[in-house]
Amino acid sequence: MDRLTTLMDRFQLAVQAAPPARANLIALADAAGKPVQILYCTRGPLADPALGAVMWAARVEWSGQSNPFLAALPPMVEYDVSSNAEAQGLIRLMRDEAEGRHCGAQSVINRLGEVLIVRLLRSQIQKGATEPGLLAGLADPRLSRAIVAMHDHPGRLWTNADLAQEAGLSLSRFAEVFAAEVGETPIGYLRRWRLILAHQDLVRGDRVEAVARRYAYTSPEGFTRAFRKVYGVAPVSLRTAAA
């Protein structure tokens, strides 16, 4: 089961070297210059004169707060790399590419940055979360199966019973645990996920009728009502703007 690939595919990640004052991803080094910690501020720049020895800094963009995983992360994510030789190597390579200004350096930084962020997110999932949300749900081995099923197959006509079966729980227990860990009902989360994806597709220029069918709405009118309730605009207005 892959808890991250769909999120990485649906929400574009961009990593670019930046001055520490504008960065939200900072690698700190020890006295010998070895990377020991990564700080990722999910809500904005991470400027702090007391940070310590900054080895490398970058600006990470990951589709803003429309990304449910990013919204679920704490304001500050700390990733200990003091004994992680592979993560240290990624940081050094990105720093060298940025400082050397080689041909194609930005492409290399972006790809290596994505690898680093995936490793950081894996670490965060393993830690879990103290507050209800998507992160807490993905950290639960039972709920994560149901959440990944919704992420990977949003157009399926899911029922609570289907999702409980994915999680390997009774229907009542699944509903109880999901609400406690994620902070909303399973079908409520599914609706929100579908509308997030629908918004992306409409901005890309897809037809309203096709998007409604893709995400299991029985009619374009029902989809339009649901979309307007969340985003405050009719879906056709986004498609028109994209044309």
Protein backbone atom coordinates (compact mmCIF):
# COMPACT_ATOMS: atom_id res chain seq x y z
CA MET A 1 0.00 0.00 0.00
CA ASP A 2 1.39 3.39 -1.05
CA ARG A 3 0.18 6.29 1.11
CA LEU A 4 2.02 9.06 -0.74
CA THR A 5 2.24 8.49 -4.51
CA THR A 6 -1.26 9.73 -5.41
CA LEU A 7 -0.75 12.83 -3.28
CA MET A 8 2.64 13.49 -4.91
CA ASP A 9 1.15 12.98 -8.38
CA ARG A 10 -1.93 15.16 -7.87
CA PHE A 11 -0.19 18.08 -6.14
CA GLN A 12 2.80 19.49 -7.97
CA LEU A 13 5.91 19.90 -5.86
CA ALA A 14 8.55 22.50 -6.68
CA VAL A 15 11.82 23.03 -4.80
CA GLN A 16 14.12 25.97 -5.47
CA ALA A 17 17.19 27.25 -3.65
CA ALA A 18 16.40 30.43 -1.71
CA PRO A 19 17.98 32.78 0.86
CA PRO A 20 17.24 31.64 4.42
CA ALA A 21 14.98 34.67 5.00
CA ARG A 22 12.64 33.48 2.21
CA ALA A 23 13.06 29.74 2.69
CA ASN A 24 10.63 27.29 4.27
CA LEU A 25 13.01 24.31 4.06
CA ILE A 26 16.34 24.63 5.86
CA ALA A 27 19.12 22.12 6.42
CA LEU A 28 21.15 22.67 9.59
CA ALA A 29 24.72 21.41 10.01
CA ASP A 30 26.89 20.53 12.98
CA ALA A 31 30.28 22.10 13.75
CA ALA A 32 31.94 19.79 11.21
CA GLY A 33 29.56 20.88 8.43
CA LYS A 34 27.60 17.61 8.35
CA PRO A 35 23.82 17.90 7.83
CA VAL A 36 22.01 16.97 11.04
CA GLN A 37 18.47 18.32 10.80
CA ILE A 38 15.92 19.56 8.28
CA LEU A 39 13.25 22.07 9.24
CA TYR A 40 10.19 22.39 7.01
CA CYS A 41 7.79 25.23 7.79
CA THR A 42 4.47 24.40 6.16
CA ARG A 43 2.84 27.81 6.67
CA GLY A 44 5.42 30.25 5.32
CA PRO A 45 9.07 31.39 5.46
CA LEU A 46 11.20 30.06 8.26
CA ALA A 47 13.34 33.10 9.04
CA ASP A 48 14.88 32.81 12.52
CA PRO A 49 18.29 34.16 13.49
CA ALA A 50 18.57 31.48 16.20
CA LEU A 51 18.37 28.57 13.78
CA GLY A 52 22.06 27.71 14.00
CA ALA A 53 24.41 26.77 11.18
CA VAL A 54 22.35 26.86 7.97
CA MET A 55 23.94 24.58 5.39
CA TRP A 56 21.35 25.01 2.66
CA ALA A 57 17.95 26.65 2.26
CA ALA A 58 15.13 26.28 -0.23
CA ARG A 59 11.60 27.34 -1.02
CA VAL A 60 9.12 24.46 -1.34
CA GLU A 61 5.78 24.93 -3.07
CA TRP A 62 3.32 22.04 -2.85
CA SER A 63 -0.04 23.32 -4.09
CA GLY A 64 -0.75 25.39 -1.01
CA GLN A 65 -3.61 24.64 1.37
CA SER A 66 -5.64 22.88 -1.35
CA ASN A 67 -3.33 19.94 -0.63
CA PRO A 68 -5.00 18.04 2.24
CA PHE A 69 -1.77 16.39 3.34
CA LEU A 70 0.10 19.70 3.54
CA ALA A 71 -2.80 21.23 5.47
CA ALA A 72 -2.64 18.30 7.94
CA LEU A 73 1.06 18.72 8.70
CA PRO A 74 2.11 20.68 11.81
CA PRO A 75 3.38 24.24 11.24
CA MET A 76 6.95 23.01 11.79
CA VAL A 77 8.18 19.60 10.67
CA GLU A 78 11.55 18.50 12.04
CA TYR A 79 13.46 15.70 10.32
CA ASP A 80 16.55 14.31 12.05
CA VAL A 81 19.13 13.28 9.43
CA SER A 82 22.14 13.06 11.73
CA SER A 83 22.45 9.30 11.12
CA ASN A 84 20.83 9.20 7.66
CA ALA A 85 23.64 9.08 5.12
CA GLU A 86 21.27 9.04 2.12
CA ALA A 87 19.39 12.16 3.21
CA GLN A 88 22.70 13.89 3.96
CA GLY A 89 23.87 13.02 0.46
CA LEU A 90 20.73 14.52 -1.09
CA ILE A 91 21.25 17.77 0.81
CA ARG A 92 24.88 18.01 -0.26
CA LEU A 93 23.99 17.33 -3.89
CA MET A 94 21.29 20.00 -3.94
CA ARG A 95 23.62 22.53 -2.32
CA ASP A 96 26.39 21.74 -4.81
CA GLU A 97 24.01 22.07 -7.76
CA ALA A 98 22.74 25.43 -6.50
CA GLU A 99 26.19 26.80 -5.79
CA GLY A 100 27.76 25.43 -8.97
CA ARG A 101 24.98 26.78 -11.20
CA HIS A 102 25.47 23.91 -13.61
CA CYS A 103 23.37 23.46 -16.72
CA GLY A 104 20.05 21.94 -15.65
CA ALA A 105 20.75 22.59 -11.98
CA GLN A 106 17.17 23.63 -11.19
CA SER A 107 15.79 20.41 -12.68
CA VAL A 108 18.21 18.39 -10.56
CA ILE A 109 17.33 20.34 -7.40
CA ASN A 110 13.64 19.87 -8.03
CA ARG A 111 13.94 16.11 -8.47
CA LEU A 112 16.27 15.60 -5.54
CA GLY A 113 14.07 17.88 -3.47
CA GLU A 114 11.06 15.71 -4.21
CA VAL A 115 12.98 12.64 -3.00
CA LEU A 116 13.96 14.47 0.18
CA ILE A 117 10.41 15.64 0.85
CA VAL A 118 9.04 12.12 0.36
CA ARG A 119 11.53 10.83 2.93
CA LEU A 120 10.55 13.62 5.31
CA LEU A 121 6.86 12.81 4.86
CA ARG A 122 7.45 9.11 5.45
CA SER A 123 9.12 10.02 8.72
CA GLN A 124 6.19 12.23 9.66
CA ILE A 125 3.65 9.47 8.94
CA GLN A 126 5.64 7.08 11.12
CA LYS A 127 5.54 9.61 13.96
CA GLY A 128 1.80 10.05 13.56
CA ALA A 129 -0.10 13.10 14.78
CA THR A 130 -1.45 14.38 18.06
CA GLU A 131 -4.40 16.17 16.40
CA PRO A 132 -7.18 14.66 14.24
CA GLY A 133 -6.59 14.96 10.51
CA LEU A 134 -5.36 13.23 7.38
CA LEU A 135 -1.89 12.67 8.84
CA ALA A 136 -3.34 10.81 11.82
CA GLY A 137 -5.50 8.75 9.50
CA LEU A 138 -2.61 7.76 7.27
CA ALA A 139 -0.53 6.86 10.32
CA ASP A 140 -3.18 4.32 11.37
CA PRO A 141 -2.50 1.06 9.47
CA ARG A 142 -6.23 0.24 9.36
CA LEU A 143 -7.62 3.61 8.34
CA SER A 144 -4.81 4.23 5.87
CA ARG A 145 -6.04 1.34 3.71
CA ALA A 146 -9.45 2.96 3.37
CA ILE A 147 -8.00 6.45 2.81
CA VAL A 148 -5.61 5.23 0.11
CA ALA A 149 -8.51 3.40 -1.57
CA MET A 150 -10.44 6.69 -1.70
CA HIS A 151 -7.39 8.58 -2.96
CA ASP A 152 -6.65 6.07 -5.68
CA HIS A 153 -10.24 5.43 -6.81
CA PRO A 154 -12.25 8.60 -6.10
CA GLY A 155 -14.87 7.82 -8.75
CA ARG A 156 -15.92 4.51 -7.26
CA LEU A 157 -19.35 4.42 -5.60
CA TRP A 158 -17.94 3.88 -2.14
CA THR A 159 -20.16 3.09 0.83
CA ASN A 160 -19.19 3.11 4.48
CA ALA A 161 -19.44 -0.67 4.43
CA ASP A 162 -17.00 -0.88 1.48
CA LEU A 163 -14.51 1.36 3.25
CA ALA A 164 -14.87 -0.52 6.53
CA GLN A 165 -14.04 -3.70 4.64
CA GLU A 166 -10.92 -2.06 3.20
CA ALA A 167 -9.88 -1.15 6.75
CA GLY A 168 -10.67 -4.60 8.11
CA LEU A 169 -13.03 -3.19 10.74
CA SER A 170 -16.69 -3.57 11.56
CA LEU A 171 -18.86 -0.79 10.18
CA SER A 172 -19.55 0.78 13.58
CA ARG A 173 -15.93 0.54 14.72
CA PHE A 174 -14.67 1.97 11.43
CA ALA A 175 -16.98 4.98 11.62
CA GLU A 176 -15.98 5.60 15.24
CA VAL A 177 -12.22 5.34 14.69
CA PHE A 178 -12.27 7.33 11.44
CA ALA A 179 -14.15 10.23 13.03
CA ALA A 180 -11.81 10.23 16.04
CA GLU A 181 -8.58 10.10 14.01
CA VAL A 182 -9.45 12.10 10.88
CA GLY A 183 -11.97 14.48 12.40
CA GLU A 184 -14.77 13.90 9.90
CA THR A 185 -16.88 11.05 8.56
CA PRO A 186 -15.45 8.75 5.87
CA ILE A 187 -18.01 9.89 3.27
CA GLY A 188 -17.44 13.52 4.29
CA TYR A 189 -13.72 13.09 3.61
CA LEU A 190 -14.47 11.35 0.31
CA ARG A 191 -16.70 14.23 -0.83
CA ARG A 192 -14.04 16.78 0.06
CA TRP A 193 -11.34 14.78 -1.75
CA ARG A 194 -13.50 14.49 -4.87
CA LEU A 195 -14.14 18.23 -4.94
CA ILE A 196 -10.43 19.00 -4.53
CA LEU A 197 -9.68 16.82 -7.55
CA ALA A 198 -12.62 18.27 -9.46
CA HIS A 199 -11.30 21.78 -8.87
CA GLN A 200 -7.93 20.76 -10.34
CA ASP A 201 -9.59 19.21 -13.38
CA LEU A 202 -11.78 22.24 -14.06
CA VAL A 203 -8.83 24.63 -13.80
CA ARG A 204 -7.14 22.39 -16.36
CA GLY A 205 -10.11 22.93 -18.69
CA ASP A 206 -12.09 19.69 -18.37
CA ARG A 207 -15.83 19.81 -19.11
CA VAL A 208 -18.19 20.11 -16.13
CA GLU A 209 -20.28 17.11 -17.22
CA ALA A 210 -17.19 14.91 -17.56
CA VAL A 211 -15.85 15.97 -14.17
CA ALA A 212 -19.22 15.31 -12.52
CA ARG A 213 -19.31 11.77 -13.94
CA ARG A 214 -15.65 11.16 -13.07
CA TYR A 215 -16.31 11.78 -9.39
CA ALA A 216 -19.57 9.84 -9.10
CA TYR A 217 -22.08 12.69 -9.16
CA THR A 218 -25.40 11.59 -10.60
CA SER A 219 -25.96 14.88 -12.43
CA PRO A 220 -24.05 18.05 -13.38
CA GLU A 221 -26.62 20.03 -11.37
CA GLY A 222 -25.90 18.11 -8.18
CA PHE A 223 -22.17 18.52 -8.76
CA THR A 224 -22.59 22.25 -9.35
CA ARG A 225 -24.50 22.67 -6.06
CA ALA A 226 -21.85 20.78 -4.10
CA PHE A 227 -19.00 22.64 -5.78
CA ARG A 228 -20.55 26.08 -5.27
CA LYS A 229 -21.16 25.32 -1.58
CA VAL A 230 -17.45 24.63 -1.03
CA TYR A 231 -15.77 27.07 -3.43
CA GLY A 232 -18.36 29.83 -3.72
CA VAL A 233 -18.38 29.79 -7.52
CA ALA A 234 -19.98 27.67 -10.22
CA PRO A 235 -17.66 25.04 -11.73
CA VAL A 236 -18.30 26.35 -15.24
CA SER A 237 -16.66 29.65 -14.27
CA LEU A 238 -13.34 27.88 -13.61
CA ARG A 239 -13.49 26.01 -16.89
CA THR A 240 -14.31 29.23 -18.75
CA ALA A 241 -11.34 30.96 -17.14
CA ALA A 242 -9.07 28.08 -18.17
CA ALA A 243 -10.21 28.18 -21.79
